[in-house]
């Protein structure tokens, strides 16, 4: 690891000023991803601006009944918060599925949203990678890609986004708030991550030098009846090979409202709007759930070694929605 500067910020304005004063500076939250990438040489910031002490560590109810999550709230505190557990249980389950207790104690909500892909070619600086070195190529397309994208990929990158938390936030229409030297701004979570296209190195639409301050969840009664299900290659903590965040509201045997998002299938958490359209107003049964999954996955373009993900996600959708429907009947 090369030498770098380090400064601790105590307020938002100070953090923004410190970042602006140094070329190639980066904000540091828990460091559970950034520091690892610095060790391998993927990230090479000249300065780290530590934002852990900023007054952004609260989860609060909003006036309209939603939640406001500070960017420095740890994953452990977020998962354990009673309002999150009660009103957005899929978010609690996603956070708990994402990492060990030690990592959750360090990782922050804001940092989780900005973590980079776990593609082996991206993390190995001896290999080409369009996400790390634009224009160098994507060796995963013809190489190791069993855990790569089946939706929304391109000829320039087939890596997937690793966040579990982000899948639940996508399902519940979260909004990201940020501050810049020019003032505050907000981004709907479904717009936060850019399509991979031919610029996979550009991952979000955050303005340069922006600091995430909060993530807001609008009120969503359906979210109280939600689940997050993750499949991984080993029983211990590992990144998903497929995941589903789902919420279901059933009235007289028919789906009144549905929320559905997939993880580990694309370069960003994937909102399954085609599936939601099939579900809404339809009978709450396994045939409808399977049809919804097929509708969303019709756009899948798997590579030779990751076609299993299409079947995996379809089965997950049916399983999770069936569980929610049976719970609603009881």
Protein backbone atom coordinates (compact mmCIF):
# COMPACT_ATOMS: atom_id res chain seq x y z
CA UNK A 1 0.00 0.00 0.00
CA UNK A 2 1.42 3.37 -0.95
CA UNK A 3 1.51 6.28 1.49
CA UNK A 4 -1.59 8.45 1.81
CA UNK A 5 -2.81 11.37 3.90
CA UNK A 6 -5.47 11.02 6.58
CA UNK A 7 -7.70 13.66 8.16
CA UNK A 8 -10.78 13.34 10.34
CA UNK A 9 -13.82 15.52 9.66
CA UNK A 10 -16.18 16.66 12.42
CA UNK A 11 -18.94 18.29 10.37
CA UNK A 12 -20.32 18.00 6.85
CA UNK A 13 -18.95 21.35 5.67
CA UNK A 14 -15.50 20.46 6.96
CA UNK A 15 -15.59 17.06 5.26
CA UNK A 16 -16.48 18.64 1.92
CA UNK A 17 -13.72 21.24 2.28
CA UNK A 18 -11.10 18.62 3.10
CA UNK A 19 -12.05 16.53 0.08
CA UNK A 20 -12.05 19.52 -2.24
CA UNK A 21 -8.60 20.59 -1.05
CA UNK A 22 -6.84 17.41 -2.16
CA UNK A 23 -6.80 15.80 -5.59
CA UNK A 24 -7.67 12.10 -5.51
CA UNK A 25 -9.05 12.29 -1.95
CA UNK A 26 -11.75 9.86 -0.84
CA UNK A 27 -14.23 9.76 2.01
CA UNK A 28 -13.64 6.93 4.49
CA UNK A 29 -16.51 5.35 6.41
CA UNK A 30 -15.95 1.91 7.89
CA UNK A 31 -13.29 1.10 5.29
CA UNK A 32 -14.48 -2.48 4.87
CA UNK A 33 -14.26 -2.21 1.07
CA UNK A 34 -12.09 0.82 0.33
CA UNK A 35 -9.16 -0.25 2.51
CA UNK A 36 -9.16 -3.74 0.99
CA UNK A 37 -8.98 -2.21 -2.49
CA UNK A 38 -6.17 0.07 -1.39
CA UNK A 39 -4.20 -2.96 -0.22
CA UNK A 40 -4.46 -4.56 -3.66
CA UNK A 41 -3.69 -1.32 -5.51
CA UNK A 42 -7.11 -1.00 -7.14
CA UNK A 43 -7.82 2.22 -5.21
CA UNK A 44 -4.97 4.71 -4.75
CA UNK A 45 -6.33 7.81 -2.99
CA UNK A 46 -3.86 10.50 -2.00
CA UNK A 47 -5.90 11.35 1.10
CA UNK A 48 -8.62 9.75 3.19
CA UNK A 49 -11.18 12.00 4.84
CA UNK A 50 -12.65 10.07 7.78
CA UNK A 51 -16.38 10.83 8.13
CA UNK A 52 -17.25 8.36 10.90
CA UNK A 53 -17.60 11.14 13.50
CA UNK A 54 -20.07 13.22 11.50
CA UNK A 55 -23.47 13.64 13.20
CA UNK A 56 -25.16 11.31 10.72
CA UNK A 57 -25.54 8.22 12.89
CA UNK A 58 -29.26 8.17 13.64
CA UNK A 59 -32.28 6.31 12.28
CA UNK A 60 -35.31 8.56 12.61
CA UNK A 61 -39.01 8.44 11.80
CA UNK A 62 -40.04 11.07 9.29
CA UNK A 63 -43.18 13.18 9.58
CA UNK A 64 -44.93 11.17 6.85
CA UNK A 65 -44.20 7.84 8.52
CA UNK A 66 -41.09 6.82 6.61
CA UNK A 67 -37.52 6.41 7.87
CA UNK A 68 -34.41 8.56 7.56
CA UNK A 69 -31.14 6.63 7.88
CA UNK A 70 -27.94 8.56 8.51
CA UNK A 71 -24.99 7.72 6.30
CA UNK A 72 -22.74 6.78 9.23
CA UNK A 73 -25.25 4.44 10.87
CA UNK A 74 -23.47 1.11 11.16
CA UNK A 75 -24.95 -1.93 9.51
CA UNK A 76 -25.31 -3.54 12.94
CA UNK A 77 -27.31 -0.61 14.32
CA UNK A 78 -29.44 -0.45 11.19
CA UNK A 79 -30.34 -4.13 11.30
CA UNK A 80 -31.17 -3.99 15.01
CA UNK A 81 -33.24 -0.80 14.94
CA UNK A 82 -36.82 -1.58 16.08
CA UNK A 83 -38.45 0.66 13.45
CA UNK A 84 -36.51 -1.02 10.66
CA UNK A 85 -37.34 -4.48 11.99
CA UNK A 86 -41.03 -3.60 12.29
CA UNK A 87 -41.67 -1.58 9.14
CA UNK A 88 -39.03 -2.89 6.68
CA UNK A 89 -38.10 -6.43 7.80
CA UNK A 90 -36.56 -7.28 4.41
CA UNK A 91 -34.01 -4.52 4.99
CA UNK A 92 -33.03 -6.01 8.36
CA UNK A 93 -32.73 -9.46 6.77
CA UNK A 94 -30.64 -8.11 3.88
CA UNK A 95 -28.19 -6.37 6.20
CA UNK A 96 -27.84 -9.44 8.42
CA UNK A 97 -27.22 -11.61 5.35
CA UNK A 98 -24.54 -9.29 4.04
CA UNK A 99 -21.58 -9.82 6.33
CA UNK A 100 -20.30 -11.10 9.65
CA UNK A 101 -21.00 -9.28 12.90
CA UNK A 102 -17.50 -7.83 12.96
CA UNK A 103 -17.91 -6.28 9.51
CA UNK A 104 -21.41 -5.02 10.29
CA UNK A 105 -20.03 -3.24 13.34
CA UNK A 106 -17.68 -1.24 11.07
CA UNK A 107 -19.54 -0.88 7.78
CA UNK A 108 -21.77 2.17 7.30
CA UNK A 109 -25.02 2.67 5.41
CA UNK A 110 -23.51 5.28 3.12
CA UNK A 111 -20.39 3.25 2.45
CA UNK A 112 -22.43 0.15 1.65
CA UNK A 113 -24.01 1.94 -1.29
CA UNK A 114 -20.63 2.81 -2.78
CA UNK A 115 -18.89 -0.55 -2.47
CA UNK A 116 -17.29 -1.82 -5.65
CA UNK A 117 -17.83 -5.10 -7.47
CA UNK A 118 -16.17 -8.30 -6.25
CA UNK A 119 -15.23 -9.46 -9.77
CA UNK A 120 -11.85 -11.21 -9.63
CA UNK A 121 -10.60 -9.42 -12.73
CA UNK A 122 -11.46 -6.04 -11.21
CA UNK A 123 -9.55 -6.77 -8.00
CA UNK A 124 -6.46 -8.15 -9.79
CA UNK A 125 -4.45 -5.20 -11.14
CA UNK A 126 -2.43 -7.54 -13.36
CA UNK A 127 -5.58 -8.22 -15.43
CA UNK A 128 -7.44 -5.90 -17.82
CA UNK A 129 -10.78 -4.52 -16.60
CA UNK A 130 -12.91 -1.79 -18.14
CA UNK A 131 -14.31 -0.86 -14.74
CA UNK A 132 -10.83 -0.31 -13.30
CA UNK A 133 -8.96 0.72 -16.47
CA UNK A 134 -11.43 1.99 -19.11
CA UNK A 135 -10.80 0.61 -22.56
CA UNK A 136 -8.67 -2.34 -21.44
CA UNK A 137 -11.36 -4.98 -21.99
CA UNK A 138 -13.57 -7.36 -20.01
CA UNK A 139 -11.88 -10.75 -19.68
CA UNK A 140 -14.79 -12.13 -17.65
CA UNK A 141 -16.92 -12.45 -20.79
CA UNK A 142 -14.75 -15.28 -22.08
CA UNK A 143 -13.25 -16.21 -18.72
CA UNK A 144 -14.54 -16.84 -15.20
CA UNK A 145 -18.10 -15.50 -15.06
CA UNK A 146 -20.28 -18.02 -13.22
CA UNK A 147 -21.37 -15.33 -10.72
CA UNK A 148 -21.71 -12.50 -13.21
CA UNK A 149 -24.64 -10.60 -14.69
CA UNK A 150 -27.57 -12.05 -16.61
CA UNK A 151 -29.51 -8.76 -16.82
CA UNK A 152 -28.46 -5.32 -17.99
CA UNK A 153 -24.87 -6.23 -18.87
CA UNK A 154 -22.94 -5.07 -21.93
CA UNK A 155 -19.94 -6.04 -24.03
CA UNK A 156 -17.88 -3.76 -21.77
CA UNK A 157 -18.67 -5.28 -18.35
CA UNK A 158 -20.60 -8.21 -16.91
CA UNK A 159 -19.80 -7.73 -13.22
CA UNK A 160 -22.57 -7.59 -10.60
CA UNK A 161 -23.20 -5.20 -7.74
CA UNK A 162 -22.44 -6.88 -4.40
CA UNK A 163 -24.76 -5.05 -1.97
CA UNK A 164 -27.52 -6.94 -0.14
CA UNK A 165 -28.78 -3.77 1.51
CA UNK A 166 -29.15 -2.10 -1.86
CA UNK A 167 -31.58 -4.75 -3.08
CA UNK A 168 -34.03 -4.02 -0.26
CA UNK A 169 -33.61 -0.26 -0.67
CA UNK A 170 -34.40 -0.63 -4.37
CA UNK A 171 -37.62 -2.51 -3.63
CA UNK A 172 -38.82 0.21 -1.26
CA UNK A 173 -38.12 3.30 -3.40
CA UNK A 174 -35.37 4.72 -1.20
CA UNK A 175 -33.97 8.19 -1.86
CA UNK A 176 -30.29 9.13 -1.41
CA UNK A 177 -29.56 12.59 0.02
CA UNK A 178 -26.16 14.21 -0.44
CA UNK A 179 -24.27 17.44 0.12
CA UNK A 180 -21.82 19.21 -2.19
CA UNK A 181 -20.01 22.55 -1.87
CA UNK A 182 -22.79 23.93 -4.10
CA UNK A 183 -25.60 22.65 -1.90
CA UNK A 184 -27.72 19.57 -1.19
CA UNK A 185 -29.39 17.18 -3.58
CA UNK A 186 -31.47 13.99 -3.75
CA UNK A 187 -31.44 10.97 -6.05
CA UNK A 188 -34.13 8.26 -6.25
CA UNK A 189 -32.40 4.99 -5.51
CA UNK A 190 -33.56 3.38 -8.75
CA UNK A 191 -31.62 6.13 -10.59
CA UNK A 192 -28.60 6.15 -8.29
CA UNK A 193 -26.59 3.51 -10.18
CA UNK A 194 -25.83 4.09 -13.83
CA UNK A 195 -26.51 1.45 -16.51
CA UNK A 196 -23.24 -0.27 -17.31
CA UNK A 197 -23.28 0.65 -21.02
CA UNK A 198 -19.86 1.50 -22.44
CA UNK A 199 -18.72 3.37 -19.29
CA UNK A 200 -18.66 0.75 -16.53
CA UNK A 201 -16.13 2.83 -14.57
CA UNK A 202 -18.91 5.40 -13.96
CA UNK A 203 -21.02 3.64 -11.37
CA UNK A 204 -23.32 6.28 -9.82
CA UNK A 205 -24.72 9.69 -10.70
CA UNK A 206 -23.40 11.29 -7.53
CA UNK A 207 -21.81 14.65 -8.43
CA UNK A 208 -18.02 14.83 -8.02
CA UNK A 209 -17.05 15.55 -4.43
CA UNK A 210 -20.52 14.73 -3.06
CA UNK A 211 -20.99 13.27 0.40
CA UNK A 212 -23.93 10.96 1.05
CA UNK A 213 -25.69 12.19 4.20
CA UNK A 214 -28.88 10.14 4.46
CA UNK A 215 -30.97 7.45 2.86
CA UNK A 216 -34.73 7.95 3.20
CA UNK A 217 -37.42 5.31 2.93
CA UNK A 218 -40.91 6.62 2.09
CA UNK A 219 -43.85 5.18 4.00
CA UNK A 220 -44.85 1.84 2.49
CA UNK A 221 -47.31 -0.28 4.49
CA UNK A 222 -46.63 -3.22 2.16
CA UNK A 223 -43.00 -3.26 3.33
CA UNK A 224 -44.08 -4.56 6.74
CA UNK A 225 -44.87 -7.83 4.94
CA UNK A 226 -41.54 -8.32 3.25
CA UNK A 227 -38.74 -10.86 3.00
CA UNK A 228 -35.17 -10.97 1.75
CA UNK A 229 -33.80 -14.31 0.57
CA UNK A 230 -30.19 -14.83 -0.46
CA UNK A 231 -28.42 -17.80 -2.02
CA UNK A 232 -24.64 -18.11 -1.69
CA UNK A 233 -22.09 -20.78 -2.46
CA UNK A 234 -21.23 -21.60 1.14
CA UNK A 235 -23.08 -21.55 4.44
CA UNK A 236 -20.75 -18.97 5.99
CA UNK A 237 -20.88 -15.32 4.94
CA UNK A 238 -20.33 -14.88 1.21
CA UNK A 239 -21.56 -12.66 -1.57
CA UNK A 240 -24.82 -13.67 -3.21
CA UNK A 241 -25.10 -15.69 -6.38
CA UNK A 242 -28.73 -14.57 -6.40
CA UNK A 243 -31.12 -12.80 -4.05
CA UNK A 244 -34.67 -11.47 -3.91
CA UNK A 245 -36.31 -8.74 -1.83
CA UNK A 246 -40.09 -9.02 -1.97
CA UNK A 247 -43.16 -7.51 -0.34
CA UNK A 248 -46.75 -8.53 -0.94
CA UNK A 249 -50.17 -7.15 -0.01
CA UNK A 250 -53.07 -9.50 -0.68
CA UNK A 251 -56.78 -8.70 -0.60
CA UNK A 252 -59.42 -11.40 -1.09
CA UNK A 253 -56.93 -13.76 -2.68
CA UNK A 254 -55.53 -11.28 -5.18
CA UNK A 255 -52.34 -9.23 -5.12
CA UNK A 256 -53.16 -5.62 -4.27
CA UNK A 257 -49.54 -4.43 -4.24
CA UNK A 258 -46.16 -6.06 -4.85
CA UNK A 259 -42.56 -4.97 -4.54
CA UNK A 260 -39.77 -7.04 -6.03
CA UNK A 261 -36.03 -6.54 -6.55
CA UNK A 262 -33.20 -8.91 -7.47
CA UNK A 263 -29.58 -8.96 -6.36
CA UNK A 264 -26.40 -10.42 -7.91
CA UNK A 265 -27.90 -10.46 -11.39
CA UNK A 266 -26.81 -7.05 -12.77
CA UNK A 267 -24.38 -4.19 -12.29
CA UNK A 268 -26.90 -2.60 -9.94
CA UNK A 269 -29.73 -3.85 -7.72
CA UNK A 270 -32.48 -4.78 -10.16
CA UNK A 271 -36.04 -3.51 -9.66
CA UNK A 272 -38.36 -6.12 -11.17
CA UNK A 273 -41.05 -3.82 -12.55
CA UNK A 274 -42.25 -6.22 -15.26
CA UNK A 275 -42.81 -8.85 -12.58
CA UNK A 276 -44.61 -6.35 -10.35
CA UNK A 277 -46.96 -5.49 -13.23
CA UNK A 278 -47.86 -9.17 -13.70
CA UNK A 279 -48.48 -9.62 -9.97
CA UNK A 280 -50.68 -6.58 -9.39
CA UNK A 281 -54.35 -7.56 -9.49
CA UNK A 282 -53.62 -11.22 -10.23
CA UNK A 283 -54.43 -14.26 -8.06
CA UNK A 284 -51.89 -14.78 -5.30
CA UNK A 285 -50.85 -18.28 -6.34
CA UNK A 286 -47.79 -20.13 -7.59
CA UNK A 287 -48.85 -19.85 -11.25
CA UNK A 288 -48.96 -16.06 -11.00
CA UNK A 289 -45.67 -15.93 -9.12
CA UNK A 290 -43.95 -18.06 -11.77
CA UNK A 291 -45.44 -15.95 -14.57
CA UNK A 292 -44.14 -12.80 -12.89
CA UNK A 293 -40.64 -14.25 -12.65
CA UNK A 294 -40.72 -15.35 -16.30
CA UNK A 295 -41.84 -11.86 -17.37
CA UNK A 296 -38.88 -10.20 -15.69
CA UNK A 297 -36.32 -12.79 -16.70
CA UNK A 298 -37.37 -12.76 -20.38
CA UNK A 299 -34.73 -10.05 -20.83
CA UNK A 300 -31.96 -12.20 -19.32
CA UNK A 301 -28.90 -12.77 -21.48
CA UNK A 302 -26.78 -15.30 -19.60
CA UNK A 303 -23.23 -16.21 -20.47
CA UNK A 304 -22.20 -19.84 -21.04
CA UNK A 305 -21.49 -20.54 -17.35
CA UNK A 306 -24.09 -18.50 -15.48
CA UNK A 307 -27.40 -19.52 -17.03
CA UNK A 308 -28.25 -21.27 -13.76
CA UNK A 309 -29.02 -17.83 -12.31
CA UNK A 310 -32.18 -17.55 -14.40
CA UNK A 311 -33.59 -20.73 -12.87
CA UNK A 312 -32.29 -19.76 -9.43
CA UNK A 313 -34.00 -16.36 -9.41
CA UNK A 314 -37.24 -17.79 -10.81
CA UNK A 315 -37.36 -20.38 -8.02
CA UNK A 316 -36.47 -17.77 -5.39
CA UNK A 317 -39.28 -15.50 -6.56
CA UNK A 318 -41.86 -18.28 -6.37
CA UNK A 319 -40.58 -19.46 -2.99
CA UNK A 320 -40.47 -16.05 -1.31
CA UNK A 321 -43.80 -14.87 -2.70
CA UNK A 322 -45.46 -18.15 -1.69
CA UNK A 323 -44.12 -17.74 1.82
CA UNK A 324 -45.49 -14.20 2.01
CA UNK A 325 -48.86 -15.28 0.61
CA UNK A 326 -49.20 -18.12 3.11
CA UNK A 327 -48.29 -15.76 5.94
CA UNK A 328 -50.97 -13.31 4.75
CA UNK A 329 -53.61 -16.08 4.78
CA UNK A 330 -52.69 -17.06 8.33
